[in-house]
Amino acid sequence: MPVTSPIGPLALVVNPEAGGRKGSRRLDRLRRALDDQGLDHEVRATLAPGDGARAARQALEDGARLLVAVGGDGTVHEVVNGMLDGDGRAHVTGAVLGVVAAG
Protein backbone atom coordinates (compact mmCIF):
# COMPACT_ATOMS: atom_id res chain seq x y z
CA MET A 1 0.00 0.00 0.00
CA PRO A 2 1.62 3.29 -1.12
CA VAL A 3 2.18 6.04 1.43
CA THR A 4 2.88 9.75 1.05
CA SER A 5 6.17 11.36 1.96
CA PRO A 6 6.49 12.87 5.47
CA ILE A 7 6.08 16.28 3.83
CA GLY A 8 2.94 15.32 1.91
CA PRO A 9 1.98 14.17 -1.57
CA LEU A 10 4.89 13.94 -4.04
CA ALA A 11 4.89 15.13 -7.65
CA LEU A 12 7.77 14.68 -10.08
CA VAL A 13 7.95 17.38 -12.75
CA VAL A 14 10.21 15.93 -15.42
CA ASN A 15 11.66 17.05 -18.70
CA PRO A 16 12.25 13.65 -20.32
CA GLU A 17 14.35 15.22 -23.09
CA ALA A 18 16.80 16.97 -20.73
CA GLY A 19 20.45 16.08 -21.20
CA GLY A 20 19.92 13.95 -24.30
CA ARG A 21 17.06 11.96 -22.69
CA LYS A 22 18.94 11.72 -19.40
CA GLY A 23 15.77 13.08 -17.78
CA SER A 24 13.86 10.01 -18.90
CA ARG A 25 16.54 7.62 -17.64
CA ARG A 26 16.79 9.40 -14.28
CA LEU A 27 13.01 9.31 -13.98
CA ASP A 28 12.97 5.53 -14.51
CA ARG A 29 15.51 5.01 -11.71
CA LEU A 30 13.78 7.48 -9.42
CA ARG A 31 10.38 5.85 -9.89
CA ARG A 32 11.81 2.40 -9.13
CA ALA A 33 13.37 3.75 -5.92
CA LEU A 34 10.11 5.42 -4.86
CA ASP A 35 8.12 2.27 -5.69
CA ASP A 36 10.60 0.14 -3.70
CA GLN A 37 9.95 2.38 -0.67
CA GLY A 38 6.19 2.33 -1.24
CA LEU A 39 6.05 6.11 -1.73
CA ASP A 40 3.06 7.28 -3.71
CA HIS A 41 3.97 9.76 -6.43
CA GLU A 42 2.75 11.21 -9.66
CA VAL A 43 4.68 12.24 -12.76
CA ARG A 44 3.99 15.39 -14.73
CA ALA A 45 6.05 15.54 -17.92
CA THR A 46 6.99 18.76 -19.66
CA LEU A 47 6.76 18.96 -23.43
CA ALA A 48 7.22 22.67 -24.18
CA PRO A 49 8.49 25.87 -22.58
CA GLY A 50 6.27 26.94 -19.69
CA ASP A 51 5.02 23.42 -18.99
CA GLY A 52 7.19 23.09 -15.87
CA ALA A 53 5.65 26.14 -14.21
CA ARG A 54 2.13 25.08 -15.15
CA ALA A 55 2.73 21.50 -13.96
CA ALA A 56 4.17 22.68 -10.64
CA ARG A 57 1.31 25.09 -10.02
CA GLN A 58 -1.32 22.48 -10.88
CA ALA A 59 0.39 19.84 -8.70
CA LEU A 60 0.29 22.24 -5.75
CA GLU A 61 -3.34 23.06 -6.40
CA ASP A 62 -4.06 19.30 -6.55
CA GLY A 63 -2.49 18.82 -3.10
CA ALA A 64 1.18 17.97 -3.74
CA ARG A 65 3.55 19.41 -1.14
CA LEU A 66 6.86 17.92 -2.31
CA LEU A 67 7.78 18.82 -5.89
CA VAL A 68 10.83 17.24 -7.47
CA ALA A 69 12.18 18.87 -10.64
CA VAL A 70 13.87 16.26 -12.85
CA GLY A 71 15.79 17.98 -15.64
CA GLY A 72 18.21 20.79 -16.25
CA ASP A 73 18.40 24.32 -14.94
CA GLY A 74 15.50 25.40 -17.17
CA THR A 75 13.22 22.79 -15.61
CA VAL A 76 14.25 23.82 -12.10
CA HIS A 77 13.69 27.48 -12.95
CA GLU A 78 10.20 26.77 -14.28
CA VAL A 79 9.20 24.64 -11.29
CA VAL A 80 10.36 27.35 -8.88
CA ASN A 81 8.35 29.92 -10.84
CA GLY A 82 5.30 27.68 -10.60
CA MET A 83 5.74 27.47 -6.85
CA LEU A 84 5.65 31.26 -6.50
CA ASP A 85 2.93 33.82 -7.08
CA GLY A 86 3.56 36.95 -9.12
CA ASP A 87 4.60 38.85 -5.99
CA GLY A 88 7.32 36.29 -5.15
CA ARG A 89 5.38 34.69 -2.31
CA ALA A 90 4.81 30.97 -2.02
CA HIS A 91 1.73 29.83 -3.91
CA VAL A 92 1.24 27.19 -1.19
CA THR A 93 2.84 27.59 2.22
CA GLY A 94 5.08 24.72 3.26
CA ALA A 95 5.73 23.27 -0.20
CA VAL A 96 9.21 21.82 -0.67
CA LEU A 97 11.37 21.61 -3.80
CA GLY A 98 13.69 18.72 -4.59
CA VAL A 99 16.00 18.53 -7.60
CA VAL A 100 17.30 15.58 -9.59
CA ALA A 101 19.86 17.00 -12.01
CA ALA A 102 19.50 15.63 -15.51
CA GLY A 103 20.52 18.50 -17.77
PDB file of N, CA and C in Angstrom:
ATOM      1  N   MET A   1       0.848  -1.185   0.000  1.00  0.00           N
ATOM      2  CA  MET A   1       0.000   0.000   0.000  1.00  0.00           C
ATOM      3  C   MET A   1       0.887   1.240   0.000  1.00  0.00           C
ATOM      4  N   PRO A   2       0.785   2.097  -1.052  1.00  0.00           N
ATOM      5  CA  PRO A   2       1.617   3.294  -1.124  1.00  0.00           C
ATOM      6  C   PRO A   2       1.289   4.284  -0.008  1.00  0.00           C
ATOM      7  N   VAL A   3       2.325   5.003   0.417  1.00  0.00           N
ATOM      8  CA  VAL A   3       2.180   6.040   1.431  1.00  0.00           C
ATOM      9  C   VAL A   3       2.721   7.348   0.862  1.00  0.00           C
ATOM     10  N   THR A   4       2.340   8.470   1.483  1.00  0.00           N
ATOM     11  CA  THR A   4       2.883   9.753   1.053  1.00  0.00           C
ATOM     12  C   THR A   4       4.195  10.009   1.792  1.00  0.00           C
ATOM     13  N   SER A   5       4.947  10.970   1.295  1.00  0.00           N
ATOM     14  CA  SER A   5       6.173  11.363   1.964  1.00  0.00           C
ATOM     15  C   SER A   5       5.820  12.031   3.288  1.00  0.00           C
ATOM     16  N   PRO A   6       6.778  12.169   4.208  1.00  0.00           N
ATOM     17  CA  PRO A   6       6.492  12.866   5.467  1.00  0.00           C
ATOM     18  C   PRO A   6       6.052  14.316   5.262  1.00  0.00           C
ATOM     19  N   ILE A   7       6.426  14.895   4.130  1.00  0.00           N
ATOM     20  CA  ILE A   7       6.076  16.283   3.827  1.00  0.00           C
ATOM     21  C   ILE A   7       4.653  16.363   3.275  1.00  0.00           C
ATOM     22  N   GLY A   8       4.249  15.350   2.551  1.00  0.00           N
ATOM     23  CA  GLY A   8       2.941  15.321   1.911  1.00  0.00           C
ATOM     24  C   GLY A   8       3.047  14.704   0.537  1.00  0.00           C
ATOM     25  N   PRO A   9       1.981  14.771  -0.242  1.00  0.00           N
ATOM     26  CA  PRO A   9       1.981  14.165  -1.570  1.00  0.00           C
ATOM     27  C   PRO A   9       3.153  14.648  -2.432  1.00  0.00           C
ATOM     28  N   LEU A  10       3.680  13.734  -3.240  1.00  0.00           N
ATOM     29  CA  LEU A  10       4.894  13.937  -4.038  1.00  0.00           C
ATOM     30  C   LEU A  10       4.557  13.987  -5.516  1.00  0.00           C
ATOM     31  N   ALA A  11       5.054  15.013  -6.197  1.00  0.00           N
ATOM     32  CA  ALA A  11       4.893  15.135  -7.646  1.00  0.00           C
ATOM     33  C   ALA A  11       6.264  15.324  -8.278  1.00  0.00           C
ATOM     34  N   LEU A  12       6.543  14.555  -9.308  1.00  0.00           N
ATOM     35  CA  LEU A  12       7.770  14.681 -10.081  1.00  0.00           C
ATOM     36  C   LEU A  12       7.438  15.472 -11.343  1.00  0.00           C
ATOM     37  N   VAL A  13       8.118  16.582 -11.542  1.00  0.00           N
ATOM     38  CA  VAL A  13       7.954  17.382 -12.755  1.00  0.00           C
ATOM     39  C   VAL A  13       9.199  17.140 -13.580  1.00  0.00           C
ATOM     40  N   VAL A  14       9.042  16.427 -14.685  1.00  0.00           N
ATOM     41  CA  VAL A  14      10.205  15.929 -15.421  1.00  0.00           C
ATOM     42  C   VAL A  14      10.217  16.406 -16.864  1.00  0.00           C
ATOM     43  N   ASN A  15      11.406  16.797 -17.293  1.00  0.00           N
ATOM     44  CA  ASN A  15      11.656  17.052 -18.704  1.00  0.00           C
ATOM     45  C   ASN A  15      12.358  15.804 -19.230  1.00  0.00           C
ATOM     46  N   PRO A  16      11.644  14.905 -19.889  1.00  0.00           N
ATOM     47  CA  PRO A  16      12.249  13.649 -20.323  1.00  0.00           C
ATOM     48  C   PRO A  16      13.353  13.839 -21.358  1.00  0.00           C
ATOM     49  N   GLU A  17      13.358  14.971 -22.045  1.00  0.00           N
ATOM     50  CA  GLU A  17      14.355  15.225 -23.086  1.00  0.00           C
ATOM     51  C   GLU A  17      15.623  15.881 -22.555  1.00  0.00           C
ATOM     52  N   ALA A  18      15.641  16.276 -21.286  1.00  0.00           N
ATOM     53  CA  ALA A  18      16.804  16.974 -20.728  1.00  0.00           C
ATOM     54  C   ALA A  18      18.064  16.115 -20.850  1.00  0.00           C
ATOM     55  N   GLY A  19      19.152  16.758 -21.157  1.00  0.00           N
ATOM     56  CA  GLY A  19      20.445  16.076 -21.198  1.00  0.00           C
ATOM     57  C   GLY A  19      20.492  14.906 -22.156  1.00  0.00           C
ATOM     58  N   GLY A  20      19.904  15.047 -23.343  1.00  0.00           N
ATOM     59  CA  GLY A  20      19.925  13.950 -24.304  1.00  0.00           C
ATOM     60  C   GLY A  20      19.152  12.736 -23.797  1.00  0.00           C
ATOM     61  N   ARG A  21      17.966  12.975 -23.251  1.00  0.00           N
ATOM     62  CA  ARG A  21      17.058  11.960 -22.691  1.00  0.00           C
ATOM     63  C   ARG A  21      17.530  11.426 -21.337  1.00  0.00           C
ATOM     64  N   LYS A  22      18.506  12.097 -20.744  1.00  0.00           N
ATOM     65  CA  LYS A  22      18.939  11.724 -19.400  1.00  0.00           C
ATOM     66  C   LYS A  22      17.794  11.886 -18.400  1.00  0.00           C
ATOM     67  N   GLY A  23      16.924  12.871 -18.653  1.00  0.00           N
ATOM     68  CA  GLY A  23      15.767  13.083 -17.781  1.00  0.00           C
ATOM     69  C   GLY A  23      14.889  11.847 -17.715  1.00  0.00           C
ATOM     70  N   SER A  24      14.678  11.224 -18.851  1.00  0.00           N
ATOM     71  CA  SER A  24      13.857  10.013 -18.900  1.00  0.00           C
ATOM     72  C   SER A  24      14.523   8.861 -18.151  1.00  0.00           C
ATOM     73  N   ARG A  25      15.814   8.701 -18.332  1.00  0.00           N
ATOM     74  CA  ARG A  25      16.543   7.615 -17.636  1.00  0.00           C
ATOM     75  C   ARG A  25      16.571   7.852 -16.128  1.00  0.00           C
ATOM     76  N   ARG A  26      16.790   9.093 -15.712  1.00  0.00           N
ATOM     77  CA  ARG A  26      16.789   9.398 -14.280  1.00  0.00           C
ATOM     78  C   ARG A  26      15.398   9.161 -13.687  1.00  0.00           C
ATOM     79  N   LEU A  27      14.377   9.516 -14.446  1.00  0.00           N
ATOM     80  CA  LEU A  27      13.010   9.308 -13.983  1.00  0.00           C
ATOM     81  C   LEU A  27      12.742   7.820 -13.750  1.00  0.00           C
ATOM     82  N   ASP A  28      13.173   6.980 -14.669  1.00  0.00           N
ATOM     83  CA  ASP A  28      12.967   5.534 -14.507  1.00  0.00           C
ATOM     84  C   ASP A  28      13.589   5.038 -13.209  1.00  0.00           C
ATOM     85  N   ARG A  29      14.824   5.437 -12.944  1.00  0.00           N
ATOM     86  CA  ARG A  29      15.515   5.011 -11.711  1.00  0.00           C
ATOM     87  C   ARG A  29      14.834   5.578 -10.472  1.00  0.00           C
ATOM     88  N   LEU A  30      14.434   6.828 -10.550  1.00  0.00           N
ATOM     89  CA  LEU A  30      13.781   7.480  -9.419  1.00  0.00           C
ATOM     90  C   LEU A  30      12.447   6.810  -9.096  1.00  0.00           C
ATOM     91  N   ARG A  31      11.673   6.509 -10.122  1.00  0.00           N
ATOM     92  CA  ARG A  31      10.377   5.851  -9.893  1.00  0.00           C
ATOM     93  C   ARG A  31      10.557   4.469  -9.275  1.00  0.00           C
ATOM     94  N   ARG A  32      11.545   3.727  -9.732  1.00  0.00           N
ATOM     95  CA  ARG A  32      11.812   2.403  -9.128  1.00  0.00           C
ATOM     96  C   ARG A  32      12.153   2.548  -7.653  1.00  0.00           C
ATOM     97  N   ALA A  33      12.981   3.537  -7.322  1.00  0.00           N
ATOM     98  CA  ALA A  33      13.368   3.750  -5.922  1.00  0.00           C
ATOM     99  C   ALA A  33      12.157   4.141  -5.078  1.00  0.00           C
ATOM    100  N   LEU A  34      11.313   5.012  -5.599  1.00  0.00           N
ATOM    101  CA  LEU A  34      10.110   5.417  -4.861  1.00  0.00           C
ATOM    102  C   LEU A  34       9.152   4.243  -4.700  1.00  0.00           C
ATOM    103  N   ASP A  35       8.981   3.460  -5.763  1.00  0.00           N
ATOM    104  CA  ASP A  35       8.122   2.274  -5.686  1.00  0.00           C
ATOM    105  C   ASP A  35       8.664   1.273  -4.677  1.00  0.00           C
ATOM    106  N   ASP A  36       9.990   1.079  -4.658  1.00  0.00           N
ATOM    107  CA  ASP A  36      10.605   0.145  -3.703  1.00  0.00           C
ATOM    108  C   ASP A  36      10.324   0.559  -2.260  1.00  0.00           C
ATOM    109  N   GLN A  37      10.215   1.870  -2.019  1.00  0.00           N
ATOM    110  CA  GLN A  37       9.948   2.381  -0.674  1.00  0.00           C
ATOM    111  C   GLN A  37       8.452   2.517  -0.399  1.00  0.00           C
ATOM    112  N   GLY A  38       7.640   2.226  -1.407  1.00  0.00           N
ATOM    113  CA  GLY A  38       6.191   2.332  -1.237  1.00  0.00           C
ATOM    114  C   GLY A  38       5.684   3.757  -1.189  1.00  0.00           C
ATOM    115  N   LEU A  39       6.467   4.699  -1.747  1.00  0.00           N
ATOM    116  CA  LEU A  39       6.054   6.108  -1.729  1.00  0.00           C
ATOM    117  C   LEU A  39       5.187   6.437  -2.935  1.00  0.00           C
ATOM    118  N   ASP A  40       3.993   6.881  -2.664  1.00  0.00           N
ATOM    119  CA  ASP A  40       3.065   7.279  -3.706  1.00  0.00           C
ATOM    120  C   ASP A  40       3.598   8.542  -4.378  1.00  0.00           C
ATOM    121  N   HIS A  41       3.499   8.597  -5.680  1.00  0.00           N
ATOM    122  CA  HIS A  41       3.972   9.757  -6.427  1.00  0.00           C
ATOM    123  C   HIS A  41       3.241   9.843  -7.757  1.00  0.00           C
ATOM    124  N   GLU A  42       3.294  11.017  -8.328  1.00  0.00           N
ATOM    125  CA  GLU A  42       2.748  11.213  -9.658  1.00  0.00           C
ATOM    126  C   GLU A  42       3.823  11.868 -10.517  1.00  0.00           C
ATOM    127  N   VAL A  43       3.726  11.668 -11.820  1.00  0.00           N
ATOM    128  CA  VAL A  43       4.679  12.245 -12.762  1.00  0.00           C
ATOM    129  C   VAL A  43       3.939  13.216 -13.667  1.00  0.00           C
ATOM    130  N   ARG A  44       4.515  14.382 -13.808  1.00  0.00           N
ATOM    131  CA  ARG A  44       3.995  15.391 -14.735  1.00  0.00           C
ATOM    132  C   ARG A  44       5.125  15.751 -15.688  1.00  0.00           C
ATOM    133  N   ALA A  45       4.999  15.310 -16.917  1.00  0.00           N
ATOM    134  CA  ALA A  45       6.048  15.537 -17.916  1.00  0.00           C
ATOM    135  C   ALA A  45       5.876  16.894 -18.584  1.00  0.00           C
ATOM    136  N   THR A  46       6.998  17.507 -18.916  1.00  0.00           N
ATOM    137  CA  THR A  46       6.987  18.757 -19.661  1.00  0.00           C
ATOM    138  C   THR A  46       7.263  18.443 -21.120  1.00  0.00           C
ATOM    139  N   LEU A  47       6.586  19.164 -21.994  1.00  0.00           N
ATOM    140  CA  LEU A  47       6.764  18.960 -23.426  1.00  0.00           C
ATOM    141  C   LEU A  47       7.190  20.230 -24.149  1.00  0.00           C
ATOM    142  N   ALA A  48       6.929  21.388 -23.539  1.00  0.00           N
ATOM    143  CA  ALA A  48       7.216  22.667 -24.181  1.00  0.00           C
ATOM    144  C   ALA A  48       7.563  23.705 -23.117  1.00  0.00           C
ATOM    145  N   PRO A  49       8.186  24.816 -23.537  1.00  0.00           N
ATOM    146  CA  PRO A  49       8.488  25.874 -22.584  1.00  0.00           C
ATOM    147  C   PRO A  49       7.231  26.314 -21.835  1.00  0.00           C
ATOM    148  N   GLY A  50       7.374  26.521 -20.533  1.00  0.00           N
ATOM    149  CA  GLY A  50       6.269  26.939 -19.687  1.00  0.00           C
ATOM    150  C   GLY A  50       5.535  25.782 -19.033  1.00  0.00           C
ATOM    151  N   ASP A  51       5.711  24.579 -19.552  1.00  0.00           N
ATOM    152  CA  ASP A  51       5.021  23.418 -18.986  1.00  0.00           C
ATOM    153  C   ASP A  51       5.439  23.135 -17.545  1.00  0.00           C
ATOM    154  N   GLY A  52       6.708  23.367 -17.224  1.00  0.00           N
ATOM    155  CA  GLY A  52       7.187  23.092 -15.866  1.00  0.00           C
ATOM    156  C   GLY A  52       6.494  23.952 -14.833  1.00  0.00           C
ATOM    157  N   ALA A  53       6.331  25.236 -15.135  1.00  0.00           N
ATOM    158  CA  ALA A  53       5.654  26.142 -14.208  1.00  0.00           C
ATOM    159  C   ALA A  53       4.183  25.759 -14.063  1.00  0.00           C
ATOM    160  N   ARG A  54       3.548  25.474 -15.203  1.00  0.00           N
ATOM    161  CA  ARG A  54       2.132  25.084 -15.154  1.00  0.00           C
ATOM    162  C   ARG A  54       1.950  23.771 -14.398  1.00  0.00           C
ATOM    163  N   ALA A  55       2.834  22.804 -14.638  1.00  0.00           N
ATOM    164  CA  ALA A  55       2.726  21.505 -13.962  1.00  0.00           C
ATOM    165  C   ALA A  55       2.936  21.655 -12.459  1.00  0.00           C
ATOM    166  N   ALA A  56       3.909  22.463 -12.066  1.00  0.00           N
ATOM    167  CA  ALA A  56       4.172  22.677 -10.637  1.00  0.00           C
ATOM    168  C   ALA A  56       2.979  23.340  -9.966  1.00  0.00           C
ATOM    169  N   ARG A  57       2.447  24.369 -10.578  1.00  0.00           N
ATOM    170  CA  ARG A  57       1.311  25.095 -10.016  1.00  0.00           C
ATOM    171  C   ARG A  57       0.107  24.165  -9.875  1.00  0.00           C
ATOM    172  N   GLN A  58      -0.166  23.379 -10.911  1.00  0.00           N
ATOM    173  CA  GLN A  58      -1.318  22.477 -10.876  1.00  0.00           C
ATOM    174  C   GLN A  58      -1.117  21.378  -9.830  1.00  0.00           C
ATOM    175  N   ALA A  59       0.110  20.872  -9.718  1.00  0.00           N
ATOM    176  CA  ALA A  59       0.391  19.843  -8.703  1.00  0.00           C
ATOM    177  C   ALA A  59       0.120  20.393  -7.301  1.00  0.00           C
ATOM    178  N   LEU A  60       0.554  21.619  -7.050  1.00  0.00           N
ATOM    179  CA  LEU A  60       0.293  22.238  -5.754  1.00  0.00           C
ATOM    180  C   LEU A  60      -1.208  22.405  -5.520  1.00  0.00           C
ATOM    181  N   GLU A  61      -1.901  22.862  -6.534  1.00  0.00           N
ATOM    182  CA  GLU A  61      -3.343  23.060  -6.398  1.00  0.00           C
ATOM    183  C   GLU A  61      -4.079  21.731  -6.215  1.00  0.00           C
ATOM    184  N   ASP A  62      -3.473  20.633  -6.713  1.00  0.00           N
ATOM    185  CA  ASP A  62      -4.057  19.301  -6.554  1.00  0.00           C
ATOM    186  C   ASP A  62      -3.660  18.637  -5.241  1.00  0.00           C
ATOM    187  N   GLY A  63      -2.828  19.336  -4.426  1.00  0.00           N
ATOM    188  CA  GLY A  63      -2.493  18.823  -3.105  1.00  0.00           C
ATOM    189  C   GLY A  63      -1.061  18.382  -2.887  1.00  0.00           C
ATOM    190  N   ALA A  64      -0.232  18.362  -3.916  1.00  0.00           N
ATOM    191  CA  ALA A  64       1.175  17.971  -3.737  1.00  0.00           C
ATOM    192  C   ALA A  64       1.875  18.994  -2.833  1.00  0.00           C
ATOM    193  N   ARG A  65       2.783  18.514  -2.004  1.00  0.00           N
ATOM    194  CA  ARG A  65       3.546  19.406  -1.136  1.00  0.00           C
ATOM    195  C   ARG A  65       5.050  19.209  -1.296  1.00  0.00           C
ATOM    196  N   LEU A  66       5.453  18.153  -1.978  1.00  0.00           N
ATOM    197  CA  LEU A  66       6.858  17.919  -2.314  1.00  0.00           C
ATOM    198  C   LEU A  66       6.930  17.823  -3.829  1.00  0.00           C
ATOM    199  N   LEU A  67       7.583  18.813  -4.449  1.00  0.00           N
ATOM    200  CA  LEU A  67       7.779  18.817  -5.893  1.00  0.00           C
ATOM    201  C   LEU A  67       9.231  18.517  -6.179  1.00  0.00           C
ATOM    202  N   VAL A  68       9.472  17.585  -7.076  1.00  0.00           N
ATOM    203  CA  VAL A  68      10.829  17.245  -7.475  1.00  0.00           C
ATOM    204  C   VAL A  68      10.977  17.569  -8.950  1.00  0.00           C
ATOM    205  N   ALA A  69      11.878  18.500  -9.259  1.00  0.00           N
ATOM    206  CA  ALA A  69      12.179  18.867 -10.638  1.00  0.00           C
ATOM    207  C   ALA A  69      13.241  17.903 -11.156  1.00  0.00           C
ATOM    208  N   VAL A  70      12.938  17.210 -12.236  1.00  0.00           N
ATOM    209  CA  VAL A  70      13.873  16.265 -12.854  1.00  0.00           C
ATOM    210  C   VAL A  70      14.200  16.816 -14.233  1.00  0.00           C
ATOM    211  N   GLY A  71      15.399  17.379 -14.370  1.00  0.00           N
ATOM    212  CA  GLY A  71      15.790  17.985 -15.639  1.00  0.00           C
ATOM    213  C   GLY A  71      16.978  18.896 -15.435  1.00  0.00           C
ATOM    214  N   GLY A  72      17.105  19.846 -16.327  1.00  0.00           N
ATOM    215  CA  GLY A  72      18.208  20.794 -16.255  1.00  0.00           C
ATOM    216  C   GLY A  72      17.811  22.064 -15.531  1.00  0.00           C
ATOM    217  N   ASP A  73      18.660  23.084 -15.657  1.00  0.00           N
ATOM    218  CA  ASP A  73      18.398  24.321 -14.942  1.00  0.00           C
ATOM    219  C   ASP A  73      17.118  25.008 -15.421  1.00  0.00           C
ATOM    220  N   GLY A  74      16.744  24.824 -16.679  1.00  0.00           N
ATOM    221  CA  GLY A  74      15.500  25.398 -17.167  1.00  0.00           C
ATOM    222  C   GLY A  74      14.284  24.783 -16.496  1.00  0.00           C
ATOM    223  N   THR A  75      14.321  23.475 -16.286  1.00  0.00           N
ATOM    224  CA  THR A  75      13.224  22.787 -15.612  1.00  0.00           C
ATOM    225  C   THR A  75      13.116  23.262 -14.174  1.00  0.00           C
ATOM    226  N   VAL A  76      14.248  23.347 -13.496  1.00  0.00           N
ATOM    227  CA  VAL A  76      14.246  23.817 -12.101  1.00  0.00           C
ATOM    228  C   VAL A  76      13.698  25.235 -12.029  1.00  0.00           C
ATOM    229  N   HIS A  77      14.148  26.091 -12.922  1.00  0.00           N
ATOM    230  CA  HIS A  77      13.691  27.481 -12.954  1.00  0.00           C
ATOM    231  C   HIS A  77      12.172  27.545 -13.123  1.00  0.00           C
ATOM    232  N   GLU A  78      11.648  26.755 -14.054  1.00  0.00           N
ATOM    233  CA  GLU A  78      10.204  26.771 -14.285  1.00  0.00           C
ATOM    234  C   GLU A  78       9.427  26.258 -13.076  1.00  0.00           C
ATOM    235  N   VAL A  79       9.908  25.186 -12.456  1.00  0.00           N
ATOM    236  CA  VAL A  79       9.202  24.641 -11.290  1.00  0.00           C
ATOM    237  C   VAL A  79       9.188  25.662 -10.156  1.00  0.00           C
ATOM    238  N   VAL A  80      10.313  26.311  -9.921  1.00  0.00           N
ATOM    239  CA  VAL A  80      10.362  27.353  -8.879  1.00  0.00           C
ATOM    240  C   VAL A  80       9.354  28.450  -9.202  1.00  0.00           C
ATOM    241  N   ASN A  81       9.315  28.880 -10.459  1.00  0.00           N
ATOM    242  CA  ASN A  81       8.355  29.924 -10.839  1.00  0.00           C
ATOM    243  C   ASN A  81       6.917  29.468 -10.615  1.00  0.00           C
ATOM    244  N   GLY A  82       6.644  28.195 -10.842  1.00  0.00           N
ATOM    245  CA  GLY A  82       5.302  27.680 -10.599  1.00  0.00           C
ATOM    246  C   GLY A  82       4.947  27.614  -9.131  1.00  0.00           C
ATOM    247  N   MET A  83       5.964  27.538  -8.288  1.00  0.00           N
ATOM    248  CA  MET A  83       5.738  27.466  -6.849  1.00  0.00           C
ATOM    249  C   MET A  83       5.501  28.845  -6.233  1.00  0.00           C
ATOM    250  N   LEU A  84       5.780  29.896  -7.007  1.00  0.00           N
ATOM    251  CA  LEU A  84       5.652  31.263  -6.501  1.00  0.00           C
ATOM    252  C   LEU A  84       4.521  32.002  -7.199  1.00  0.00           C
ATOM    253  N   ASP A  85       3.902  32.922  -6.475  1.00  0.00           N
ATOM    254  CA  ASP A  85       2.928  33.816  -7.078  1.00  0.00           C
ATOM    255  C   ASP A  85       3.666  34.980  -7.714  1.00  0.00           C
ATOM    256  N   GLY A  86       2.950  35.818  -8.424  1.00  0.00           N
ATOM    257  CA  GLY A  86       3.557  36.949  -9.119  1.00  0.00           C
ATOM    258  C   GLY A  86       4.302  37.907  -8.212  1.00  0.00           C
ATOM    259  N   ASP A  87       3.942  37.946  -6.928  1.00  0.00           N
ATOM    260  CA  ASP A  87       4.604  38.847  -5.994  1.00  0.00           C
ATOM    261  C   ASP A  87       5.800  38.192  -5.302  1.00  0.00           C
ATOM    262  N   GLY A  88       6.167  36.971  -5.726  1.00  0.00           N
ATOM    263  CA  GLY A  88       7.316  36.291  -5.150  1.00  0.00           C
ATOM    264  C   GLY A  88       7.018  35.496  -3.893  1.00  0.00           C
ATOM    265  N   ARG A  89       5.774  35.464  -3.494  1.00  0.00           N
ATOM    266  CA  ARG A  89       5.382  34.686  -2.308  1.00  0.00           C
ATOM    267  C   ARG A  89       5.021  33.270  -2.715  1.00  0.00           C
ATOM    268  N   ALA A  90       5.142  32.367  -1.760  1.00  0.00           N
ATOM    269  CA  ALA A  90       4.808  30.967  -2.019  1.00  0.00           C
ATOM    270  C   ALA A  90       3.350  30.831  -2.420  1.00  0.00           C
ATOM    271  N   HIS A  91       3.109  30.087  -3.482  1.00  0.00           N
ATOM    272  CA  HIS A  91       1.730  29.825  -3.906  1.00  0.00           C
ATOM    273  C   HIS A  91       1.017  28.978  -2.858  1.00  0.00           C
ATOM    274  N   VAL A  92       1.755  28.037  -2.269  1.00  0.00           N
ATOM    275  CA  VAL A  92       1.245  27.187  -1.194  1.00  0.00           C
ATOM    276  C   VAL A  92       2.296  27.168  -0.089  1.00  0.00           C
ATOM    277  N   THR A  93       1.921  27.570   1.090  1.00  0.00           N
ATOM    278  CA  THR A  93       2.844  27.590   2.219  1.00  0.00           C
ATOM    279  C   THR A  93       3.270  26.169   2.577  1.00  0.00           C
ATOM    280  N   GLY A  94       4.559  25.991   2.813  1.00  0.00           N
ATOM    281  CA  GLY A  94       5.076  24.716   3.260  1.00  0.00           C
ATOM    282  C   GLY A  94       5.475  23.752   2.161  1.00  0.00           C
ATOM    283  N   ALA A  95       5.309  24.145   0.905  1.00  0.00           N
ATOM    284  CA  ALA A  95       5.725  23.267  -0.200  1.00  0.00           C
ATOM    285  C   ALA A  95       7.249  23.216  -0.245  1.00  0.00           C
ATOM    286  N   VAL A  96       7.771  22.062  -0.648  1.00  0.00           N
ATOM    287  CA  VAL A  96       9.209  21.823  -0.669  1.00  0.00           C
ATOM    288  C   VAL A  96       9.642  21.436  -2.082  1.00  0.00           C
ATOM    289  N   LEU A  97      10.805  21.918  -2.486  1.00  0.00           N
ATOM    290  CA  LEU A  97      11.374  21.611  -3.796  1.00  0.00           C
ATOM    291  C   LEU A  97      12.548  20.641  -3.649  1.00  0.00           C
ATOM    292  N   GLY A  98      12.545  19.611  -4.463  1.00  0.00           N
ATOM    293  CA  GLY A  98      13.688  18.717  -4.588  1.00  0.00           C
ATOM    294  C   GLY A  98      14.166  18.795  -6.032  1.00  0.00           C
ATOM    295  N   VAL A  99      15.431  18.468  -6.254  1.00  0.00           N
ATOM    296  CA  VAL A  99      16.004  18.534  -7.604  1.00  0.00           C
ATOM    297  C   VAL A  99      16.775  17.246  -7.886  1.00  0.00           C
ATOM    298  N   VAL A 100      16.494  16.673  -9.054  1.00  0.00           N
ATOM    299  CA  VAL A 100      17.297  15.577  -9.593  1.00  0.00           C
ATOM    300  C   VAL A 100      17.886  16.116 -10.886  1.00  0.00           C
ATOM    301  N   ALA A 101      19.190  16.403 -10.857  1.00  0.00           N
ATOM    302  CA  ALA A 101      19.859  17.005 -12.007  1.00  0.00           C
ATOM    303  C   ALA A 101      19.921  16.015 -13.166  1.00  0.00           C
ATOM    304  N   ALA A 102      19.482  16.486 -14.328  1.00  0.00           N
ATOM    305  CA  ALA A 102      19.499  15.625 -15.509  1.00  0.00           C
ATOM    306  C   ALA A 102      19.743  16.444 -16.780  1.00  0.00           C
ATOM    307  N   GLY A 103      20.324  17.636 -16.622  1.00  0.00           N
ATOM    308  CA  GLY A 103      20.523  18.498 -17.774  1.00  0.00           C
ATOM    309  C   GLY A 103      21.902  18.372 -18.365  1.00  0.00           C
TER     310      GLY A 103
END
